[in-house]
């Protein structure tokens, strides 16, 4: 089954899906494998792997090691073309539609497209939207040299997401950023999800199962957690997030 079809099936059957983000710049190899094994044992639906910079030259090896301990789909969530690996199951083919820097709107995509084709990776076209989250400048904001959408500007978020839909993208990703002080506002999730027909990924700053469930009820299709698992990881916490997310919205 194509990964995009798998994700849509998860959303249809469970109401929403749970994705764990593995950042190879923030976790050592031992912790990466432990997290992947725990995700396999719990009701996690998929794994994202990616980072803003990538300090390691071992991306291929890391992806292979993760694949060796889990049957969950491993989907690349790249910050640049150097984070493309032939061993992943799919890649979020993202355009940073909240910004106006052409490098992340189209330039990196042009460079990556032939690599992705040559590797046989499944691309999932995704409109990536950074949203202001407090707590200083985030890595994605700094590295992309773009400004995030103000967290109280639902109208801008709605119009940006709708433009992505009309451009033919397959998913929207509302991102508060790694280590965000505040998660994407529930009101913005509800506004965007009601204004477009695309599945809505929401990540950044989600620290509790209740926060995750609230955003599912507002219309999120996939919830992503990363930092909270790095700072207070336990298999039980993975299970609590999965339960909250899968019970947060009635299946279609």
Protein backbone atom coordinates (compact mmCIF):
# COMPACT_ATOMS: atom_id res chain seq x y z
CA UNK A 1 0.00 0.00 0.00
CA UNK A 2 1.32 3.46 -0.88
CA UNK A 3 2.19 5.44 2.23
CA UNK A 4 -0.18 8.28 1.34
CA UNK A 5 -3.00 5.72 1.06
CA UNK A 6 -1.93 4.15 4.36
CA UNK A 7 -2.09 7.51 6.13
CA UNK A 8 -5.49 8.31 4.67
CA UNK A 9 -6.73 4.88 5.76
CA UNK A 10 -5.48 5.48 9.31
CA UNK A 11 -7.29 8.82 9.39
CA UNK A 12 -10.47 7.23 8.06
CA UNK A 13 -10.42 4.23 10.44
CA UNK A 14 -9.11 5.86 13.61
CA UNK A 15 -10.26 9.45 13.18
CA UNK A 16 -6.67 10.69 13.45
CA UNK A 17 -3.16 9.25 13.38
CA UNK A 18 -0.19 9.49 15.74
CA UNK A 19 3.29 10.16 14.34
CA UNK A 20 6.51 10.17 16.35
CA UNK A 21 9.28 12.47 15.13
CA UNK A 22 12.85 11.19 15.47
CA UNK A 23 15.44 13.98 15.27
CA UNK A 24 18.92 12.55 14.62
CA UNK A 25 20.53 15.77 15.83
CA UNK A 26 18.85 15.58 19.24
CA UNK A 27 19.02 11.87 20.03
CA UNK A 28 21.98 9.50 20.12
CA UNK A 29 21.80 6.23 18.21
CA UNK A 30 20.92 4.18 21.27
CA UNK A 31 17.99 6.45 22.12
CA UNK A 32 16.84 6.51 18.49
CA UNK A 33 16.60 2.72 18.39
CA UNK A 34 14.90 2.60 21.80
CA UNK A 35 12.29 5.10 20.65
CA UNK A 36 11.69 3.23 17.39
CA UNK A 37 11.27 -0.06 19.28
CA UNK A 38 8.82 1.53 21.71
CA UNK A 39 6.83 3.00 18.82
CA UNK A 40 6.62 -0.46 17.29
CA UNK A 41 5.21 -1.87 20.53
CA UNK A 42 2.68 0.92 21.03
CA UNK A 43 -0.16 2.11 18.79
CA UNK A 44 1.99 4.64 16.91
CA UNK A 45 0.97 4.91 13.26
CA UNK A 46 4.16 6.18 11.59
CA UNK A 47 7.59 7.66 12.20
CA UNK A 48 8.97 10.90 10.81
CA UNK A 49 12.73 11.34 10.70
CA UNK A 50 14.37 14.69 10.08
CA UNK A 51 15.98 17.77 11.53
CA UNK A 52 16.75 21.39 10.72
CA UNK A 53 20.48 20.94 10.09
CA UNK A 54 21.74 17.29 10.22
CA UNK A 55 25.06 17.08 12.03
CA UNK A 56 25.64 13.43 11.12
CA UNK A 57 26.76 11.90 7.84
CA UNK A 58 24.98 8.64 8.71
CA UNK A 59 21.42 9.36 7.56
CA UNK A 60 21.23 6.19 5.47
CA UNK A 61 22.54 4.08 8.35
CA UNK A 62 20.14 5.67 10.85
CA UNK A 63 17.15 5.00 8.61
CA UNK A 64 18.25 1.40 8.08
CA UNK A 65 18.70 0.85 11.82
CA UNK A 66 15.20 2.21 12.47
CA UNK A 67 13.74 0.02 9.74
CA UNK A 68 15.39 -3.02 11.30
CA UNK A 69 13.39 -2.67 14.54
CA UNK A 70 9.98 -1.48 13.34
CA UNK A 71 7.33 -2.23 10.75
CA UNK A 72 5.90 1.29 11.06
CA UNK A 73 6.28 3.46 7.95
CA UNK A 74 9.43 5.58 8.12
CA UNK A 75 8.79 8.91 6.40
CA UNK A 76 11.47 11.52 5.78
CA UNK A 77 10.73 14.99 7.16
CA UNK A 78 13.73 16.75 5.63
CA UNK A 79 15.21 20.14 6.36
CA UNK A 80 17.23 20.03 3.13
CA UNK A 81 18.29 17.78 0.25
CA UNK A 82 21.08 16.20 2.30
CA UNK A 83 18.43 14.44 4.39
CA UNK A 84 17.14 12.27 1.54
CA UNK A 85 17.64 8.53 2.04
CA UNK A 86 16.75 5.70 -0.34
CA UNK A 87 15.96 3.42 2.60
CA UNK A 88 12.90 5.33 3.83
CA UNK A 89 9.35 4.42 2.82
CA UNK A 90 8.33 7.91 1.72
CA UNK A 91 9.26 11.57 1.97
CA UNK A 92 7.25 14.65 2.79
CA UNK A 93 7.90 16.71 -0.35
CA UNK A 94 7.45 20.04 1.37
CA UNK A 95 7.22 23.63 0.25
CA UNK A 96 7.50 26.27 2.98
CA UNK A 97 4.38 28.11 1.90
CA UNK A 98 4.23 30.35 4.98
CA UNK A 99 7.49 32.03 3.94
CA UNK A 100 8.67 34.04 0.97
CA UNK A 101 12.16 32.63 0.64
CA UNK A 102 12.37 31.01 -2.83
CA UNK A 103 15.02 28.54 -1.61
CA UNK A 104 12.44 26.71 0.49
CA UNK A 105 9.47 27.41 -1.74
CA UNK A 106 10.95 25.77 -4.86
CA UNK A 107 14.79 25.72 -5.05
CA UNK A 108 15.44 22.82 -2.66
CA UNK A 109 12.54 20.95 -4.26
CA UNK A 110 14.06 21.23 -7.74
CA UNK A 111 17.36 19.88 -6.41
CA UNK A 112 15.70 17.03 -4.54
CA UNK A 113 13.18 15.88 -7.16
CA UNK A 114 15.65 13.94 -9.38
CA UNK A 115 17.19 12.29 -6.30
CA UNK A 116 13.78 11.20 -5.05
CA UNK A 117 12.85 9.82 -8.46
CA UNK A 118 16.14 7.98 -8.79
CA UNK A 119 15.79 6.43 -5.34
CA UNK A 120 12.22 5.34 -5.96
CA UNK A 121 10.96 7.21 -2.87
CA UNK A 122 7.27 8.00 -2.64
CA UNK A 123 6.82 11.82 -2.44
CA UNK A 124 3.89 13.21 -0.44
CA UNK A 125 3.32 16.80 -1.52
CA UNK A 126 2.96 18.89 1.63
CA UNK A 127 2.32 22.57 2.27
CA UNK A 128 4.52 23.40 5.27
CA UNK A 129 3.40 26.32 7.43
CA UNK A 130 5.47 27.69 10.31
CA UNK A 131 3.37 29.34 13.02
CA UNK A 132 4.61 31.71 15.72
CA UNK A 133 4.99 29.82 18.99
CA UNK A 134 6.84 32.01 21.47
CA UNK A 135 10.11 31.26 23.24
CA UNK A 136 12.47 32.85 20.74
CA UNK A 137 13.50 32.03 17.19
CA UNK A 138 13.06 28.35 16.28
CA UNK A 139 15.58 26.35 14.26
CA UNK A 140 13.28 26.00 11.24
CA UNK A 141 12.62 29.74 11.23
CA UNK A 142 16.33 30.60 11.49
CA UNK A 143 17.53 28.08 8.93
CA UNK A 144 14.83 28.97 6.39
CA UNK A 145 15.23 32.73 6.89
CA UNK A 146 11.45 33.17 6.96
CA UNK A 147 8.95 34.65 9.37
CA UNK A 148 6.24 32.42 10.85
CA UNK A 149 2.54 33.18 10.57
CA UNK A 150 1.40 35.13 13.68
CA UNK A 151 -0.48 32.75 15.96
CA UNK A 152 -3.51 35.05 16.11
CA UNK A 153 -3.86 35.42 12.31
CA UNK A 154 -6.26 32.63 11.42
CA UNK A 155 -7.22 34.40 8.21
CA UNK A 156 -3.64 34.25 6.89
CA UNK A 157 -3.35 30.58 7.87
CA UNK A 158 -6.65 29.74 6.15
CA UNK A 159 -5.75 31.55 2.93
CA UNK A 160 -2.28 29.98 2.83
CA UNK A 161 -3.63 26.46 3.35
CA UNK A 162 -6.31 26.96 0.70
CA UNK A 163 -3.68 28.14 -1.78
CA UNK A 164 -1.77 24.92 -1.14
CA UNK A 165 -4.91 22.89 -1.84
CA UNK A 166 -5.54 24.77 -5.08
CA UNK A 167 -1.92 24.20 -6.11
CA UNK A 168 -2.54 20.47 -5.84
CA UNK A 169 -0.73 19.65 -2.61
CA UNK A 170 -1.86 16.57 -0.69
CA UNK A 171 -1.40 17.62 2.94
CA UNK A 172 -0.98 20.69 5.14
CA UNK A 173 1.53 20.73 7.99
CA UNK A 174 0.98 23.34 10.74
CA UNK A 175 4.29 23.52 12.61
CA UNK A 176 5.05 25.42 15.81
CA UNK A 177 8.70 24.36 15.66
CA UNK A 178 11.05 22.21 17.69
CA UNK A 179 10.96 23.13 21.37
CA UNK A 180 8.02 25.48 20.89
CA UNK A 181 6.71 27.17 24.03
CA UNK A 182 3.15 27.01 22.72
CA UNK A 183 1.44 24.50 20.48
CA UNK A 184 -0.57 25.56 17.42
CA UNK A 185 -3.71 27.28 18.79
CA UNK A 186 -6.81 25.09 18.77
CA UNK A 187 -8.65 27.96 17.09
CA UNK A 188 -6.18 27.98 14.18
CA UNK A 189 -6.42 24.21 13.77
CA UNK A 190 -10.21 24.48 13.63
CA UNK A 191 -10.11 27.42 11.21
CA UNK A 192 -7.72 25.74 8.76
CA UNK A 193 -9.33 22.29 8.91
CA UNK A 194 -12.79 23.72 8.20
CA UNK A 195 -11.50 25.85 5.31
CA UNK A 196 -9.70 23.15 3.30
CA UNK A 197 -10.36 19.52 2.47
CA UNK A 198 -6.74 18.39 2.92
CA UNK A 199 -5.52 16.22 5.81
CA UNK A 200 -3.97 18.46 8.44
CA UNK A 201 -0.73 17.53 10.22
CA UNK A 202 -0.14 19.41 13.48
CA UNK A 203 3.14 19.40 15.40
CA UNK A 204 5.37 21.39 17.73
CA UNK A 205 4.84 22.24 21.38
CA UNK A 206 2.40 19.40 22.12
CA UNK A 207 3.42 18.20 25.57
CA UNK A 208 0.43 16.28 26.88
CA UNK A 209 -2.10 13.76 25.57
CA UNK A 210 -4.87 16.23 26.36
CA UNK A 211 -3.29 18.89 24.15
CA UNK A 212 -3.09 16.32 21.39
CA UNK A 213 -6.73 15.28 21.81
CA UNK A 214 -7.89 18.91 21.79
CA UNK A 215 -6.27 19.48 18.42
CA UNK A 216 -7.71 16.29 17.00
CA UNK A 217 -11.17 17.42 18.08
CA UNK A 218 -10.49 20.73 16.34
CA UNK A 219 -9.77 18.92 13.08
CA UNK A 220 -6.15 17.69 13.06
CA UNK A 221 -5.69 14.51 11.02
CA UNK A 222 -2.17 13.61 12.20
CA UNK A 223 -0.52 14.67 15.45
CA UNK A 224 3.29 14.76 15.66
CA UNK A 225 5.26 14.71 18.92
CA UNK A 226 9.01 14.97 19.25
CA UNK A 227 10.57 17.08 22.01
CA UNK A 228 8.33 15.76 24.77
CA UNK A 229 9.58 12.24 24.07
CA UNK A 230 13.21 13.38 24.09
CA UNK A 231 12.90 15.01 27.51
CA UNK A 232 10.58 12.56 29.29
CA UNK A 233 10.47 9.40 27.24
CA UNK A 234 8.62 6.32 28.39
CA UNK A 235 6.70 3.66 26.46
CA UNK A 236 3.70 4.41 28.66
CA UNK A 237 3.68 8.02 27.47
CA UNK A 238 3.62 6.86 23.86
CA UNK A 239 0.58 4.74 24.66
CA UNK A 240 -1.16 7.63 26.41
CA UNK A 241 -0.63 9.89 23.39
CA UNK A 242 -1.86 7.18 21.01
CA UNK A 243 -5.00 6.55 23.06
CA UNK A 244 -5.79 10.26 23.33
CA UNK A 245 -5.27 10.89 19.62
CA UNK A 246 -7.21 7.86 18.41
CA UNK A 247 -10.15 8.62 20.71
CA UNK A 248 -10.15 12.35 20.03
CA UNK A 249 -12.36 12.25 16.92
CA UNK A 250 -14.89 9.78 15.60
CA UNK A 251 -13.75 7.80 12.56
CA UNK A 252 -15.37 8.68 9.26
